[in-house]
Amino acid sequence: MLPEPPTATTPTEQAIIAAYLSRHTTPARQAMRAKFEQAADPDGILSPADRARRVAELRREHFTRLGQISAAAKRARRQAEEDRRDGDTTDERHGKGAL
C-alpha cells in the first residue's frame, strides 16, 4: 500500500505527486493491459490496430461493470441508512429482521 501523498498546493507539487503515483502504479497498469490483450487476442493473430480496438472495448466494458456495481452498492447503502433513520428494521426484500 502506498503512503498518503502530501496535499499539493502548487502545480509543481502536483506534478511531483503525479509522477510518484504513476511510477508506483505502472506495473499494475501494465499487468491489466496484458490481461486485456490476452483476452482480446489469445492466439496473437490480430493486427495491432484490431487488437488495440478490442482491448479498448474490453476496458470500457470492464470499467462500466465496475461503475454499475459501485452504483448498486451506493444505492443499497443509502437505502439501508434511510431505513435506519426511519426506524424501519425489516429487510422486506428478504423477509429478515434488522441487520
N, C-alpha and C. Protein backbone atom coordinates (compact mmCIF):
# COMPACT_ATOMS: atom_id res chain seq x y z
N MET A 1 0.84 -1.18 0.00
CA MET A 1 0.00 0.00 0.00
C MET A 1 0.89 1.24 0.00
N LEU A 2 0.49 2.21 -0.77
CA LEU A 2 1.27 3.44 -0.86
C LEU A 2 0.97 4.36 0.30
N PRO A 3 1.98 5.09 0.77
CA PRO A 3 1.70 6.09 1.81
C PRO A 3 0.90 7.23 1.21
N GLU A 4 0.16 7.91 2.05
CA GLU A 4 -0.62 9.06 1.59
C GLU A 4 0.32 10.16 1.10
N PRO A 5 0.11 10.64 -0.14
CA PRO A 5 0.95 11.74 -0.61
C PRO A 5 0.55 13.04 0.08
N PRO A 6 1.47 13.96 0.19
CA PRO A 6 1.10 15.25 0.80
C PRO A 6 0.12 16.00 -0.09
N THR A 7 -0.58 16.92 0.49
CA THR A 7 -1.52 17.74 -0.27
C THR A 7 -0.74 18.72 -1.14
N ALA A 8 -1.06 18.72 -2.41
CA ALA A 8 -0.36 19.60 -3.35
C ALA A 8 -1.03 20.97 -3.37
N THR A 9 -0.21 21.98 -3.28
CA THR A 9 -0.75 23.34 -3.31
C THR A 9 -0.30 24.10 -4.55
N THR A 10 0.74 23.65 -5.21
CA THR A 10 1.22 24.34 -6.41
C THR A 10 1.25 23.35 -7.57
N PRO A 11 1.25 23.84 -8.80
CA PRO A 11 1.34 22.94 -9.95
C PRO A 11 2.61 22.07 -9.91
N THR A 12 3.70 22.61 -9.42
CA THR A 12 4.94 21.83 -9.34
C THR A 12 4.76 20.67 -8.37
N GLU A 13 4.17 20.93 -7.22
CA GLU A 13 3.93 19.86 -6.24
C GLU A 13 2.97 18.82 -6.81
N GLN A 14 1.96 19.28 -7.54
CA GLN A 14 1.02 18.35 -8.17
C GLN A 14 1.74 17.45 -9.16
N ALA A 15 2.65 18.00 -9.94
CA ALA A 15 3.40 17.21 -10.92
C ALA A 15 4.29 16.20 -10.23
N ILE A 16 4.92 16.58 -9.14
CA ILE A 16 5.79 15.67 -8.40
C ILE A 16 4.98 14.49 -7.85
N ILE A 17 3.84 14.79 -7.29
CA ILE A 17 2.99 13.74 -6.73
C ILE A 17 2.47 12.83 -7.84
N ALA A 18 2.05 13.41 -8.95
CA ALA A 18 1.56 12.60 -10.07
C ALA A 18 2.65 11.67 -10.58
N ALA A 19 3.87 12.14 -10.69
CA ALA A 19 4.98 11.30 -11.14
C ALA A 19 5.23 10.17 -10.15
N TYR A 20 5.18 10.48 -8.86
CA TYR A 20 5.38 9.48 -7.82
C TYR A 20 4.33 8.37 -7.94
N LEU A 21 3.07 8.77 -8.02
CA LEU A 21 1.99 7.80 -8.10
C LEU A 21 2.06 7.00 -9.39
N SER A 22 2.39 7.65 -10.49
CA SER A 22 2.48 6.96 -11.78
C SER A 22 3.57 5.90 -11.73
N ARG A 23 4.70 6.23 -11.17
CA ARG A 23 5.82 5.30 -11.09
C ARG A 23 5.42 4.07 -10.27
N HIS A 24 4.64 4.26 -9.24
CA HIS A 24 4.26 3.16 -8.38
C HIS A 24 3.09 2.34 -8.91
N THR A 25 2.33 2.87 -9.84
CA THR A 25 1.19 2.13 -10.38
C THR A 25 1.45 1.56 -11.76
N THR A 26 2.61 1.88 -12.34
CA THR A 26 2.92 1.40 -13.69
C THR A 26 2.86 -0.13 -13.81
N PRO A 27 3.46 -0.90 -12.90
CA PRO A 27 3.38 -2.36 -13.04
C PRO A 27 1.95 -2.89 -13.05
N ALA A 28 1.09 -2.32 -12.23
CA ALA A 28 -0.30 -2.77 -12.18
C ALA A 28 -1.02 -2.42 -13.48
N ARG A 29 -0.78 -1.22 -13.99
CA ARG A 29 -1.42 -0.83 -15.25
C ARG A 29 -0.95 -1.71 -16.40
N GLN A 30 0.35 -2.04 -16.43
CA GLN A 30 0.89 -2.92 -17.48
C GLN A 30 0.29 -4.32 -17.38
N ALA A 31 0.15 -4.82 -16.16
CA ALA A 31 -0.43 -6.15 -15.97
C ALA A 31 -1.89 -6.18 -16.43
N MET A 32 -2.63 -5.11 -16.13
CA MET A 32 -4.03 -5.07 -16.54
C MET A 32 -4.13 -4.99 -18.07
N ARG A 33 -3.27 -4.21 -18.68
CA ARG A 33 -3.27 -4.13 -20.14
C ARG A 33 -2.96 -5.49 -20.75
N ALA A 34 -1.98 -6.21 -20.20
CA ALA A 34 -1.64 -7.54 -20.71
C ALA A 34 -2.82 -8.49 -20.57
N LYS A 35 -3.54 -8.39 -19.47
CA LYS A 35 -4.73 -9.23 -19.27
C LYS A 35 -5.77 -8.97 -20.35
N PHE A 36 -6.02 -7.69 -20.63
CA PHE A 36 -7.00 -7.35 -21.66
C PHE A 36 -6.51 -7.78 -23.04
N GLU A 37 -5.23 -7.63 -23.32
CA GLU A 37 -4.69 -8.05 -24.61
C GLU A 37 -4.82 -9.55 -24.79
N GLN A 38 -4.56 -10.31 -23.73
CA GLN A 38 -4.69 -11.77 -23.80
C GLN A 38 -6.14 -12.15 -24.06
N ALA A 39 -7.06 -11.48 -23.41
CA ALA A 39 -8.48 -11.77 -23.60
C ALA A 39 -8.94 -11.37 -25.00
N ALA A 40 -8.42 -10.27 -25.52
CA ALA A 40 -8.83 -9.77 -26.83
C ALA A 40 -8.26 -10.60 -27.97
N ASP A 41 -7.05 -11.13 -27.77
CA ASP A 41 -6.37 -11.85 -28.86
C ASP A 41 -5.55 -13.01 -28.28
N PRO A 42 -6.22 -14.06 -27.80
CA PRO A 42 -5.50 -15.14 -27.14
C PRO A 42 -4.50 -15.87 -28.05
N ASP A 43 -4.76 -15.90 -29.35
CA ASP A 43 -3.87 -16.59 -30.28
C ASP A 43 -2.83 -15.67 -30.91
N GLY A 44 -2.93 -14.38 -30.66
CA GLY A 44 -1.96 -13.43 -31.19
C GLY A 44 -2.01 -13.27 -32.70
N ILE A 45 -3.21 -13.38 -33.27
CA ILE A 45 -3.32 -13.33 -34.73
C ILE A 45 -3.88 -12.01 -35.26
N LEU A 46 -4.38 -11.16 -34.39
CA LEU A 46 -4.96 -9.90 -34.84
C LEU A 46 -3.88 -8.88 -35.17
N SER A 47 -4.25 -7.96 -36.04
CA SER A 47 -3.33 -6.86 -36.33
C SER A 47 -3.27 -5.96 -35.09
N PRO A 48 -2.21 -5.19 -34.93
CA PRO A 48 -2.12 -4.29 -33.77
C PRO A 48 -3.30 -3.35 -33.66
N ALA A 49 -3.80 -2.86 -34.79
CA ALA A 49 -4.94 -1.94 -34.75
C ALA A 49 -6.20 -2.64 -34.25
N ASP A 50 -6.46 -3.86 -34.75
CA ASP A 50 -7.63 -4.61 -34.29
C ASP A 50 -7.50 -4.98 -32.82
N ARG A 51 -6.32 -5.40 -32.42
CA ARG A 51 -6.11 -5.76 -31.02
C ARG A 51 -6.34 -4.54 -30.13
N ALA A 52 -5.82 -3.40 -30.53
CA ALA A 52 -5.99 -2.18 -29.73
C ALA A 52 -7.47 -1.80 -29.62
N ARG A 53 -8.20 -1.96 -30.71
CA ARG A 53 -9.63 -1.64 -30.68
C ARG A 53 -10.37 -2.57 -29.74
N ARG A 54 -10.06 -3.86 -29.80
CA ARG A 54 -10.73 -4.82 -28.92
C ARG A 54 -10.34 -4.62 -27.46
N VAL A 55 -9.07 -4.31 -27.22
CA VAL A 55 -8.62 -4.03 -25.85
C VAL A 55 -9.38 -2.83 -25.30
N ALA A 56 -9.52 -1.79 -26.10
CA ALA A 56 -10.24 -0.60 -25.66
C ALA A 56 -11.69 -0.94 -25.31
N GLU A 57 -12.31 -1.79 -26.12
CA GLU A 57 -13.69 -2.19 -25.85
C GLU A 57 -13.79 -3.01 -24.57
N LEU A 58 -12.86 -3.94 -24.37
CA LEU A 58 -12.87 -4.73 -23.14
C LEU A 58 -12.67 -3.85 -21.91
N ARG A 59 -11.78 -2.87 -22.02
CA ARG A 59 -11.56 -1.95 -20.90
C ARG A 59 -12.83 -1.15 -20.60
N ARG A 60 -13.48 -0.65 -21.65
CA ARG A 60 -14.73 0.10 -21.46
C ARG A 60 -15.77 -0.77 -20.76
N GLU A 61 -15.94 -2.00 -21.24
CA GLU A 61 -16.92 -2.91 -20.63
C GLU A 61 -16.57 -3.19 -19.16
N HIS A 62 -15.30 -3.44 -18.90
CA HIS A 62 -14.85 -3.74 -17.54
C HIS A 62 -15.16 -2.58 -16.60
N PHE A 63 -14.78 -1.38 -16.99
CA PHE A 63 -14.98 -0.23 -16.10
C PHE A 63 -16.45 0.17 -16.02
N THR A 64 -17.22 -0.12 -17.06
CA THR A 64 -18.67 0.11 -16.98
C THR A 64 -19.29 -0.82 -15.96
N ARG A 65 -18.88 -2.10 -15.99
CA ARG A 65 -19.39 -3.05 -14.98
C ARG A 65 -19.01 -2.62 -13.58
N LEU A 66 -17.75 -2.20 -13.40
CA LEU A 66 -17.33 -1.73 -12.07
C LEU A 66 -18.19 -0.54 -11.61
N GLY A 67 -18.47 0.36 -12.53
CA GLY A 67 -19.31 1.52 -12.20
C GLY A 67 -20.71 1.10 -11.80
N GLN A 68 -21.27 0.12 -12.51
CA GLN A 68 -22.60 -0.35 -12.19
C GLN A 68 -22.63 -1.02 -10.82
N ILE A 69 -21.61 -1.82 -10.53
CA ILE A 69 -21.53 -2.47 -9.23
C ILE A 69 -21.40 -1.43 -8.12
N SER A 70 -20.56 -0.43 -8.35
CA SER A 70 -20.37 0.63 -7.38
C SER A 70 -21.67 1.39 -7.14
N ALA A 71 -22.37 1.72 -8.22
CA ALA A 71 -23.62 2.46 -8.08
C ALA A 71 -24.66 1.65 -7.31
N ALA A 72 -24.73 0.34 -7.58
CA ALA A 72 -25.69 -0.51 -6.87
C ALA A 72 -25.34 -0.57 -5.38
N ALA A 73 -24.06 -0.67 -5.07
CA ALA A 73 -23.64 -0.71 -3.66
C ALA A 73 -23.97 0.61 -2.97
N LYS A 74 -23.76 1.72 -3.64
CA LYS A 74 -24.08 3.03 -3.05
C LYS A 74 -25.58 3.16 -2.81
N ARG A 75 -26.38 2.69 -3.78
CA ARG A 75 -27.83 2.74 -3.61
C ARG A 75 -28.25 1.91 -2.40
N ALA A 76 -27.67 0.71 -2.27
CA ALA A 76 -28.03 -0.17 -1.16
C ALA A 76 -27.63 0.46 0.17
N ARG A 77 -26.43 1.05 0.23
CA ARG A 77 -26.01 1.70 1.48
C ARG A 77 -26.91 2.87 1.82
N ARG A 78 -27.24 3.67 0.80
CA ARG A 78 -28.10 4.83 1.02
C ARG A 78 -29.48 4.37 1.51
N GLN A 79 -30.02 3.31 0.89
CA GLN A 79 -31.33 2.81 1.30
C GLN A 79 -31.28 2.26 2.72
N ALA A 80 -30.22 1.54 3.05
CA ALA A 80 -30.09 0.99 4.41
C ALA A 80 -30.00 2.13 5.43
N GLU A 81 -29.28 3.18 5.11
CA GLU A 81 -29.17 4.32 6.01
C GLU A 81 -30.52 5.01 6.17
N GLU A 82 -31.26 5.17 5.08
CA GLU A 82 -32.59 5.78 5.16
C GLU A 82 -33.52 4.92 6.01
N ASP A 83 -33.43 3.60 5.82
CA ASP A 83 -34.28 2.69 6.60
C ASP A 83 -33.95 2.78 8.08
N ARG A 84 -32.65 2.88 8.42
CA ARG A 84 -32.26 3.00 9.83
C ARG A 84 -32.77 4.31 10.41
N ARG A 85 -32.65 5.40 9.64
CA ARG A 85 -33.12 6.70 10.13
C ARG A 85 -34.63 6.70 10.32
N ASP A 86 -35.34 6.01 9.44
CA ASP A 86 -36.80 5.98 9.51
C ASP A 86 -37.31 4.96 10.52
N GLY A 87 -36.41 4.20 11.14
CA GLY A 87 -36.81 3.21 12.12
C GLY A 87 -37.29 1.92 11.50
N ASP A 88 -37.12 1.74 10.22
CA ASP A 88 -37.53 0.51 9.55
C ASP A 88 -36.46 -0.55 9.81
N THR A 89 -36.84 -1.61 10.54
CA THR A 89 -35.87 -2.65 10.86
C THR A 89 -36.10 -3.92 10.07
N THR A 90 -36.97 -3.87 9.08
CA THR A 90 -37.27 -5.05 8.28
C THR A 90 -36.66 -4.92 6.90
N ASP A 91 -35.99 -5.95 6.49
CA ASP A 91 -35.49 -6.01 5.12
C ASP A 91 -36.54 -6.76 4.32
N GLU A 92 -37.46 -6.01 3.73
CA GLU A 92 -38.61 -6.60 3.06
C GLU A 92 -38.24 -7.47 1.87
N ARG A 93 -37.12 -7.17 1.24
CA ARG A 93 -36.73 -7.95 0.07
C ARG A 93 -36.41 -9.38 0.45
N HIS A 94 -35.92 -9.59 1.67
CA HIS A 94 -35.52 -10.94 2.08
C HIS A 94 -36.35 -11.46 3.25
N GLY A 95 -37.27 -10.65 3.76
CA GLY A 95 -38.12 -11.07 4.86
C GLY A 95 -37.36 -11.28 6.15
N LYS A 96 -36.30 -10.56 6.35
CA LYS A 96 -35.47 -10.73 7.55
C LYS A 96 -35.61 -9.50 8.44
N GLY A 97 -35.21 -9.65 9.68
CA GLY A 97 -35.20 -8.55 10.62
C GLY A 97 -34.00 -7.67 10.39
N ALA A 98 -33.76 -6.79 11.34
CA ALA A 98 -32.65 -5.82 11.23
C ALA A 98 -31.32 -6.54 11.11
N LEU A 99 -30.46 -5.93 10.37
CA LEU A 99 -29.13 -6.50 10.17
C LEU A 99 -28.23 -6.18 11.32
